[in-house]
Amino acid sequence: MWSALGTVLRLISWLSSLLLTVIALQFVLEQFPWTRDVAENIFAYVGRPLSVLATGAVDAIPNLVFLLVLALVTRLVLRLLAFVADGLQRQTFTLRGFDPEWAWPTYRIARTVVLIFAVVVAYPFIPGSSTEAFKGVSLFVGVLVSLGSTSVIGNLLSGYTMIYRRAFRLGDRVNIDGVVGEVVEIRVTVTHLRTPKNEEVIFPNSLIMNSKVTNYSALARQHGLILHTNVGIGYEVPWRQVEALLIAAASATPGVRQDPPPFVLQRRLGDFAIDYEVNVYVSDATAMPQTYDRLHRNILDQFNEHGVQIMTPAYESDPEAAKVVPKSQWYSPPAAAPGIPIGAPRVPAARARFSLAASGQAARQRQRRLARGRATWRSWEGGGSPAPWRRSPARPPGTARSS
């Protein structure tokens, strides 16, 4: 209400300023003989356009009322469509065969159709729409839009095609044109991916339509995604042992499903090594890098612990010693064993090995030494040989004891 009142007051102020300006201009022009004709007709010059505008506004009132009613009806239809789209998206009510993710894209299409229909209906009732100038401007704008929006329209159509084709969803791990990432946003014209390196890559939807798309998450939710890695092991190692080591490493990897269980395939009998492929099932495709990292670590630990050498790509002859890392050196500095912070004071390697490998034996030896010490003490108490701290200093052979 107050805004409408302010608009009316501003209009009155503007008309008053115009009237005062015209009166002042007429007074100035009447002072000179050669401008008195202009001064006498100045009100006609200013009043004639205002009169035409006022007459046109009065004549356009029925058309303006029609346009107002059309705008209200269009707004009500759009609100009804938005209500239906929100219900479908929230699954308040469902339609058979209609995916909830289609709700708002379908609403946008319906809204565009309704708005185009409203503009077509309203065009004849727009004041001045029948004039040649209005028609010329409309044609010019239409040509500009059609020439400049070719790629935009192509991306729009591609975006809606992808949405209804359900190639991927938000949160899916996909590979588009060689770029692997997580889908973080799907727009009508572009799609946003976030790579494992926290980079955001934006693809035009028209490019996605013409590229190969690999979706790692589509089947991982129900059936599991199969991750695999290869190792080359020499022919002298029993293949059953290798398969057991690979399955043990895979089973100990967090994030790997045990049902279906991991399995191993012998992919190739190479010139110097057998190419083994371990396959595991995972449910979370977005954690692929972390799962591969943990799987590779477990494979290295298993093969090093059992003294099995993983063959290098370039092979000439058997080394004198197998290229494995002993378990005692798994946590060589600066690495830290689980539960020990990096940089903490360390027990020397020899003492650490002794305490870990022979702690029980050391305890038994200490008990035997204590038992022998107690027996010796009893012999000293009974009159046997003197205690060590009571004996005289050692003498070289052949020297006499001093008195």
Protein backbone atom coordinates (compact mmCIF):
# COMPACT_ATOMS: atom_id res chain seq x y z
CA MET A 1 0.00 0.00 0.00
CA TRP A 2 2.70 2.48 0.96
CA SER A 3 4.71 1.64 -2.14
CA ALA A 4 1.68 2.35 -4.36
CA LEU A 5 1.12 5.65 -2.57
CA GLY A 6 4.77 6.55 -3.06
CA THR A 7 4.49 5.78 -6.78
CA VAL A 8 1.44 8.06 -7.11
CA LEU A 9 3.21 10.88 -5.28
CA ARG A 10 6.26 10.54 -7.52
CA LEU A 11 4.01 10.67 -10.61
CA ILE A 12 2.32 13.84 -9.34
CA SER A 13 5.71 15.39 -8.62
CA TRP A 14 6.93 14.52 -12.12
CA LEU A 15 3.83 16.05 -13.78
CA SER A 16 4.12 19.18 -11.65
CA SER A 17 7.76 19.60 -12.62
CA LEU A 18 6.86 19.16 -16.29
CA LEU A 19 4.10 21.75 -16.05
CA LEU A 20 6.32 24.30 -14.33
CA THR A 21 9.05 23.72 -16.91
CA VAL A 22 6.61 24.31 -19.79
CA ILE A 23 5.27 27.51 -18.16
CA ALA A 24 8.76 28.86 -17.60
CA LEU A 25 9.77 28.01 -21.16
CA GLN A 26 6.68 29.73 -22.55
CA PHE A 27 7.44 32.89 -20.53
CA VAL A 28 11.01 33.01 -21.81
CA LEU A 29 10.02 32.44 -25.45
CA GLU A 30 7.39 35.21 -25.34
CA GLN A 31 10.10 37.76 -24.57
CA PHE A 32 11.50 37.55 -28.09
CA PRO A 33 9.46 38.41 -31.20
CA TRP A 34 10.83 35.64 -33.36
CA THR A 35 9.91 32.93 -30.79
CA ARG A 36 6.43 34.09 -29.84
CA ASP A 37 4.78 31.64 -32.26
CA VAL A 38 6.55 28.78 -30.53
CA ALA A 39 5.48 30.11 -27.13
CA GLU A 40 1.83 30.29 -28.20
CA ASN A 41 1.87 26.65 -29.43
CA ILE A 42 4.12 25.10 -26.78
CA PHE A 43 1.19 23.69 -24.83
CA ALA A 44 -0.09 22.09 -28.03
CA TYR A 45 3.30 20.55 -28.70
CA VAL A 46 3.44 19.01 -25.24
CA GLY A 47 -0.25 18.25 -24.87
CA ARG A 48 -0.77 16.43 -28.17
CA PRO A 49 1.53 13.43 -27.27
CA LEU A 50 0.05 13.27 -23.83
CA SER A 51 -3.42 13.27 -25.32
CA VAL A 52 -2.52 10.47 -27.72
CA LEU A 53 -1.05 8.44 -24.86
CA ALA A 54 -4.08 8.98 -22.67
CA THR A 55 -6.47 8.04 -25.49
CA GLY A 56 -4.45 4.94 -26.31
CA ALA A 57 -4.37 3.91 -22.65
CA VAL A 58 -8.14 4.27 -22.34
CA ASP A 59 -8.68 2.28 -25.54
CA ALA A 60 -6.25 -0.43 -24.32
CA ILE A 61 -8.02 -0.97 -21.00
CA PRO A 62 -10.03 -4.02 -22.25
CA ASN A 63 -6.85 -5.61 -23.67
CA LEU A 64 -4.96 -4.87 -20.46
CA VAL A 65 -7.70 -6.51 -18.42
CA PHE A 66 -7.48 -9.59 -20.67
CA LEU A 67 -3.69 -9.70 -20.25
CA LEU A 68 -4.06 -9.42 -16.47
CA VAL A 69 -6.53 -12.30 -16.35
CA LEU A 70 -4.27 -14.36 -18.63
CA ALA A 71 -1.27 -13.70 -16.33
CA LEU A 72 -3.25 -14.79 -13.27
CA VAL A 73 -4.42 -18.01 -14.96
CA THR A 74 -0.88 -18.76 -16.15
CA ARG A 75 0.47 -18.24 -12.64
CA LEU A 76 -2.13 -20.59 -11.15
CA VAL A 77 -1.32 -23.28 -13.74
CA LEU A 78 2.42 -22.99 -13.00
CA ARG A 79 1.80 -23.29 -9.26
CA LEU A 80 -0.30 -26.38 -9.82
CA LEU A 81 2.45 -27.93 -11.94
CA ALA A 82 5.04 -27.09 -9.26
CA PHE A 83 2.87 -28.75 -6.61
CA VAL A 84 2.60 -31.91 -8.70
CA ALA A 85 6.37 -31.94 -9.40
CA ASP A 86 7.17 -31.53 -5.69
CA GLY A 87 4.82 -34.40 -4.80
CA LEU A 88 6.41 -36.68 -7.40
CA GLN A 89 9.91 -35.77 -6.26
CA ARG A 90 9.06 -36.41 -2.58
CA GLN A 91 7.08 -39.51 -3.61
CA THR A 92 3.97 -38.20 -1.86
CA PHE A 93 2.18 -39.74 -4.81
CA THR A 94 3.70 -41.77 -7.60
CA LEU A 95 3.13 -42.52 -11.25
CA ARG A 96 3.88 -45.95 -12.61
CA GLY A 97 7.17 -45.97 -14.53
CA PHE A 98 7.96 -42.34 -13.56
CA ASP A 99 11.32 -41.83 -11.84
CA PRO A 100 11.25 -39.25 -8.99
CA GLU A 101 14.36 -37.62 -10.47
CA TRP A 102 12.33 -36.71 -13.54
CA ALA A 103 9.89 -34.52 -11.57
CA TRP A 104 11.56 -31.11 -11.77
CA PRO A 105 13.02 -31.51 -15.28
CA THR A 106 9.52 -32.41 -16.47
CA TYR A 107 8.15 -29.38 -14.63
CA ARG A 108 10.63 -27.11 -16.42
CA ILE A 109 9.55 -28.49 -19.80
CA ALA A 110 5.87 -28.06 -18.93
CA ARG A 111 6.51 -24.54 -17.64
CA THR A 112 8.22 -23.58 -20.90
CA VAL A 113 5.31 -24.94 -22.93
CA VAL A 114 2.77 -23.05 -20.78
CA LEU A 115 4.70 -19.78 -21.03
CA ILE A 116 5.06 -20.08 -24.82
CA PHE A 117 1.35 -20.78 -25.13
CA ALA A 118 0.54 -17.75 -22.92
CA VAL A 119 2.75 -15.47 -25.04
CA VAL A 120 1.12 -16.68 -28.25
CA VAL A 121 -2.35 -16.03 -26.82
CA ALA A 122 -1.36 -12.63 -25.41
CA TYR A 123 0.44 -11.32 -28.49
CA PRO A 124 -2.62 -9.93 -30.35
CA PHE A 125 -3.75 -8.09 -27.21
CA ILE A 126 -0.47 -6.31 -26.57
CA PRO A 127 -0.90 -2.56 -27.35
CA GLY A 128 0.90 -1.71 -30.60
CA SER A 129 1.39 -5.33 -31.65
CA SER A 130 -0.38 -4.71 -34.96
CA THR A 131 1.97 -1.93 -36.04
CA GLU A 132 4.67 -2.54 -38.64
CA ALA A 133 7.39 -1.29 -36.29
CA PHE A 134 6.48 -3.84 -33.63
CA LYS A 135 6.44 -6.63 -36.19
CA GLY A 136 9.85 -5.61 -37.55
CA VAL A 137 11.44 -5.50 -34.09
CA SER A 138 9.94 -8.91 -33.23
CA LEU A 139 11.32 -10.43 -36.43
CA PHE A 140 14.78 -8.94 -35.79
CA VAL A 141 14.91 -10.29 -32.22
CA GLY A 142 13.76 -13.71 -33.42
CA VAL A 143 16.54 -13.90 -36.01
CA LEU A 144 19.17 -12.92 -33.43
CA VAL A 145 17.95 -15.53 -30.95
CA SER A 146 17.81 -18.31 -33.55
CA LEU A 147 21.35 -17.59 -34.78
CA GLY A 148 22.94 -17.21 -31.34
CA SER A 149 21.27 -20.05 -29.48
CA THR A 150 22.11 -23.02 -31.69
CA SER A 151 24.64 -24.53 -29.26
CA VAL A 152 22.52 -23.60 -26.26
CA ILE A 153 19.49 -25.41 -27.64
CA GLY A 154 21.67 -28.41 -28.50
CA ASN A 155 22.98 -28.57 -24.92
CA LEU A 156 19.44 -28.19 -23.56
CA LEU A 157 18.15 -31.07 -25.62
CA SER A 158 21.19 -33.18 -24.70
CA GLY A 159 20.69 -32.40 -21.01
CA TYR A 160 17.06 -33.48 -20.99
CA THR A 161 17.91 -36.55 -23.04
CA MET A 162 20.52 -37.61 -20.46
CA ILE A 163 18.11 -37.03 -17.58
CA TYR A 164 15.44 -39.26 -19.08
CA ARG A 165 18.00 -41.82 -20.25
CA ARG A 166 19.33 -42.12 -16.65
CA ALA A 167 22.95 -42.49 -17.71
CA PHE A 168 24.08 -41.40 -14.22
CA ARG A 169 22.83 -39.76 -11.05
CA LEU A 170 24.14 -37.37 -8.45
CA GLY A 171 26.92 -39.02 -6.44
CA ASP A 172 27.79 -41.63 -9.08
CA ARG A 173 31.43 -42.36 -9.91
CA VAL A 174 31.73 -42.11 -13.71
CA ASN A 175 34.33 -41.95 -16.46
CA ILE A 176 33.49 -39.38 -19.14
CA ASP A 177 35.89 -38.92 -22.03
CA GLY A 178 38.77 -40.29 -19.93
CA VAL A 179 38.01 -38.17 -16.83
CA VAL A 180 37.05 -40.12 -13.70
CA GLY A 181 35.08 -38.30 -11.04
CA GLU A 182 31.96 -38.04 -8.92
CA VAL A 183 28.86 -36.36 -10.35
CA VAL A 184 28.19 -33.37 -8.08
CA GLU A 185 25.72 -31.40 -10.19
CA ILE A 186 23.60 -32.00 -13.27
CA ARG A 187 22.33 -28.89 -15.03
CA VAL A 188 20.29 -28.58 -18.16
CA THR A 189 23.28 -27.47 -20.24
CA VAL A 190 26.35 -28.75 -18.34
CA THR A 191 27.38 -31.49 -15.88
CA HIS A 192 29.91 -31.01 -13.06
CA LEU A 193 32.39 -33.74 -12.00
CA ARG A 194 34.72 -33.72 -8.98
CA THR A 195 37.85 -35.81 -9.55
CA PRO A 196 39.71 -37.73 -6.80
CA LYS A 197 42.24 -34.88 -6.81
CA ASN A 198 39.44 -32.46 -5.81
CA GLU A 199 39.29 -30.84 -9.24
CA GLU A 200 36.00 -29.72 -10.74
CA VAL A 201 35.54 -30.57 -14.41
CA ILE A 202 32.57 -29.16 -16.35
CA PHE A 203 31.31 -31.02 -19.41
CA PRO A 204 28.79 -29.61 -21.91
CA ASN A 205 25.92 -32.04 -22.18
CA SER A 206 26.24 -32.16 -25.96
CA LEU A 207 29.83 -33.48 -25.51
CA ILE A 208 28.63 -36.15 -23.07
CA MET A 209 26.01 -37.30 -25.58
CA ASN A 210 28.78 -37.94 -28.12
CA SER A 211 31.24 -39.58 -25.66
CA LYS A 212 31.53 -42.96 -23.98
CA VAL A 213 30.29 -42.86 -20.39
CA THR A 214 31.30 -45.55 -17.88
CA ASN A 215 29.22 -45.62 -14.70
CA TYR A 216 30.96 -47.45 -11.85
CA SER A 217 28.12 -46.93 -9.36
CA ALA A 218 25.14 -48.13 -11.39
CA LEU A 219 25.51 -51.83 -10.55
CA ALA A 220 27.70 -51.48 -7.44
CA ARG A 221 24.70 -50.76 -5.22
CA GLN A 222 23.09 -54.17 -5.79
CA HIS A 223 25.54 -56.55 -7.44
CA GLY A 224 28.87 -54.99 -6.48
CA LEU A 225 31.63 -53.45 -8.59
CA ILE A 226 34.59 -55.71 -9.45
CA LEU A 227 38.00 -54.14 -8.86
CA HIS A 228 41.07 -56.02 -10.08
CA THR A 229 44.84 -55.74 -10.00
CA ASN A 230 47.63 -57.82 -11.54
CA VAL A 231 50.90 -59.25 -10.18
CA GLY A 232 53.61 -61.25 -11.92
CA ILE A 233 55.00 -64.26 -10.00
CA GLY A 234 57.72 -66.66 -11.17
CA TYR A 235 57.07 -70.21 -12.31
CA GLU A 236 59.00 -71.66 -9.35
CA VAL A 237 56.26 -70.57 -6.92
CA PRO A 238 53.26 -72.95 -6.70
CA TRP A 239 50.22 -71.30 -8.22
CA ARG A 240 48.03 -72.56 -5.40
CA GLN A 241 50.18 -70.70 -2.89
CA VAL A 242 49.99 -67.52 -4.96
CA GLU A 243 46.20 -67.71 -5.19
CA ALA A 244 45.95 -68.33 -1.44
CA LEU A 245 48.14 -65.30 -0.71
CA LEU A 246 46.12 -63.05 -3.04
CA ILE A 247 42.80 -64.18 -1.59
CA ALA A 248 44.11 -63.67 1.96
CA ALA A 249 45.24 -60.15 1.07
CA ALA A 250 41.91 -59.35 -0.58
CA SER A 251 39.86 -60.76 2.31
CA ALA A 252 41.77 -58.59 4.79
CA THR A 253 41.13 -55.39 2.81
CA PRO A 254 38.49 -53.05 4.35
CA GLY A 255 35.61 -52.28 2.00
CA VAL A 256 35.86 -55.58 0.10
CA ARG A 257 32.72 -57.72 0.12
CA GLN A 258 33.02 -61.32 1.29
CA ASP A 259 29.87 -62.34 -0.58
CA PRO A 260 30.59 -62.90 -3.42
CA PRO A 261 34.12 -63.81 -2.30
CA PRO A 262 37.33 -62.61 -4.01
CA PHE A 263 38.67 -64.78 -6.81
CA VAL A 264 41.92 -65.09 -8.78
CA LEU A 265 42.44 -65.59 -12.50
CA GLN A 266 45.65 -66.57 -14.30
CA ARG A 267 45.52 -64.10 -17.16
CA ARG A 268 48.70 -64.98 -19.03
CA LEU A 269 51.64 -67.37 -19.00
CA GLY A 270 54.42 -64.93 -19.78
CA ASP A 271 58.02 -65.52 -20.76
CA PHE A 272 59.38 -65.17 -17.22
CA ALA A 273 56.34 -64.96 -14.93
CA ILE A 274 52.69 -65.91 -14.58
CA ASP A 275 50.29 -62.96 -14.66
CA TYR A 276 47.79 -63.36 -11.81
CA GLU A 277 44.69 -61.16 -11.54
CA VAL A 278 42.91 -60.82 -8.18
CA ASN A 279 39.29 -59.65 -8.37
CA VAL A 280 37.25 -58.26 -5.47
CA TYR A 281 33.68 -57.00 -5.08
CA VAL A 282 32.99 -53.58 -3.54
CA SER A 283 29.75 -51.71 -2.88
CA ASP A 284 31.12 -48.15 -2.68
CA ALA A 285 32.45 -47.09 -6.07
CA THR A 286 33.45 -43.64 -4.77
CA ALA A 287 36.15 -45.27 -2.56
CA MET A 288 37.96 -46.97 -5.46
CA PRO A 289 41.35 -45.23 -4.92
CA GLN A 290 41.37 -46.01 -1.19
CA THR A 291 40.35 -49.64 -1.78
CA TYR A 292 43.09 -50.14 -4.38
CA ASP A 293 45.65 -48.61 -2.03
CA ARG A 294 44.72 -50.90 0.89
CA LEU A 295 44.59 -53.95 -1.41
CA HIS A 296 48.09 -53.29 -2.78
CA ARG A 297 49.46 -52.84 0.73
CA ASN A 298 48.00 -56.14 1.87
CA ILE A 299 49.39 -57.94 -1.20
CA LEU A 300 52.89 -56.62 -0.49
CA ASP A 301 52.67 -57.64 3.17
CA GLN A 302 51.44 -61.15 2.37
CA PHE A 303 54.11 -61.85 -0.25
CA ASN A 304 56.93 -60.36 1.84
CA GLU A 305 55.85 -62.29 4.94
CA HIS A 306 55.91 -65.61 3.07
CA GLY A 307 59.10 -64.84 1.12
CA VAL A 308 57.49 -64.84 -2.33
CA GLN A 309 59.11 -62.46 -4.80
CA ILE A 310 56.97 -60.30 -7.11
CA MET A 311 58.69 -60.25 -10.50
CA THR A 312 59.80 -56.92 -11.95
CA PRO A 313 58.85 -56.07 -15.56
CA ALA A 314 62.47 -56.38 -16.79
CA TYR A 315 63.88 -59.87 -16.05
CA GLU A 316 67.31 -61.24 -16.98
CA SER A 317 68.33 -63.82 -14.36
CA ASP A 318 67.49 -65.10 -10.89
CA PRO A 319 69.03 -62.94 -8.13
CA GLU A 320 71.14 -64.56 -5.38
CA ALA A 321 68.54 -63.60 -2.79
CA ALA A 322 64.81 -63.15 -3.25
CA LYS A 323 63.72 -59.55 -3.54
CA VAL A 324 61.43 -59.46 -0.52
CA VAL A 325 61.21 -57.21 2.56
CA PRO A 326 61.67 -59.15 5.83
CA LYS A 327 58.93 -58.66 8.38
CA SER A 328 61.46 -57.21 10.84
CA GLN A 329 62.00 -54.28 8.44
CA TRP A 330 58.37 -53.47 7.68
CA TYR A 331 58.45 -50.46 9.98
CA SER A 332 61.95 -49.14 9.32
CA PRO A 333 62.35 -45.40 10.08
CA PRO A 334 60.61 -43.10 9.50
CA ALA A 335 57.66 -45.53 9.30
CA ALA A 336 55.88 -46.30 12.55
CA ALA A 337 54.13 -49.46 13.65
CA PRO A 338 50.37 -49.24 14.32
CA GLY A 339 49.73 -47.40 17.58
CA ILE A 340 53.19 -45.71 17.65
CA PRO A 341 53.26 -42.06 16.48
CA ILE A 342 55.80 -41.08 13.86
CA GLY A 343 58.85 -39.45 15.44
CA ALA A 344 58.47 -41.20 18.85
CA PRO A 345 61.64 -42.65 20.47
CA ARG A 346 62.27 -46.10 19.09
CA VAL A 347 63.66 -49.28 20.57
CA PRO A 348 66.72 -50.45 18.58
CA ALA A 349 65.91 -53.02 15.95
CA ALA A 350 67.85 -55.83 17.71
CA ARG A 351 66.09 -55.20 21.03
CA ALA A 352 62.73 -54.90 19.31
CA ARG A 353 63.23 -58.24 17.55
CA PHE A 354 64.37 -59.83 20.81
CA SER A 355 61.40 -58.50 22.75
CA LEU A 356 58.91 -59.51 20.08
CA ALA A 357 60.32 -62.90 19.05
CA ALA A 358 61.86 -64.20 22.32
CA SER A 359 60.04 -62.44 25.13
CA GLY A 360 58.84 -65.74 26.61
CA GLN A 361 62.28 -67.34 26.36
CA ALA A 362 63.93 -64.30 27.97
CA ALA A 363 61.52 -64.46 30.87
CA ARG A 364 62.37 -68.13 31.44
CA GLN A 365 66.10 -67.39 31.32
CA ARG A 366 65.70 -64.62 33.92
CA GLN A 367 63.86 -67.03 36.19
CA ARG A 368 66.67 -69.62 35.84
CA ARG A 369 69.34 -67.00 36.65
CA LEU A 370 67.43 -65.90 39.74
CA ALA A 371 67.11 -69.53 40.86
CA ARG A 372 70.87 -70.09 40.41
CA GLY A 373 71.59 -66.87 42.33
CA ARG A 374 69.46 -67.96 45.25
CA ALA A 375 71.18 -71.39 45.32
CA THR A 376 74.63 -69.73 45.33
CA TRP A 377 73.62 -67.46 48.19
CA ARG A 378 72.51 -70.43 50.25
CA SER A 379 75.87 -72.11 49.64
CA TRP A 380 77.67 -68.96 50.86
CA GLU A 381 75.48 -68.88 53.94
CA GLY A 382 76.40 -72.54 54.71
CA GLY A 383 80.19 -71.92 54.79
CA GLY A 384 81.10 -72.52 51.20
CA SER A 385 83.28 -70.28 49.07
CA PRO A 386 83.31 -66.60 50.02
CA ALA A 387 80.99 -64.19 48.29
CA PRO A 388 82.37 -62.50 45.19
CA TRP A 389 82.47 -59.07 46.81
CA ARG A 390 84.56 -60.51 49.69
CA ARG A 391 87.25 -62.04 47.54
CA SER A 392 90.66 -60.38 47.17
CA PRO A 393 91.60 -58.84 43.85
CA ALA A 394 92.80 -61.21 41.18
CA ARG A 395 96.60 -61.88 41.06
CA PRO A 396 98.72 -62.69 38.05
CA PRO A 397 100.02 -66.27 37.95
CA GLY A 398 103.13 -66.89 40.12
CA THR A 399 102.73 -63.87 42.46
CA ALA A 400 102.38 -64.26 46.24
CA ARG A 401 99.46 -62.90 48.26
CA SER A 402 100.43 -59.83 50.26
CA SER A 403 100.23 -60.14 54.07
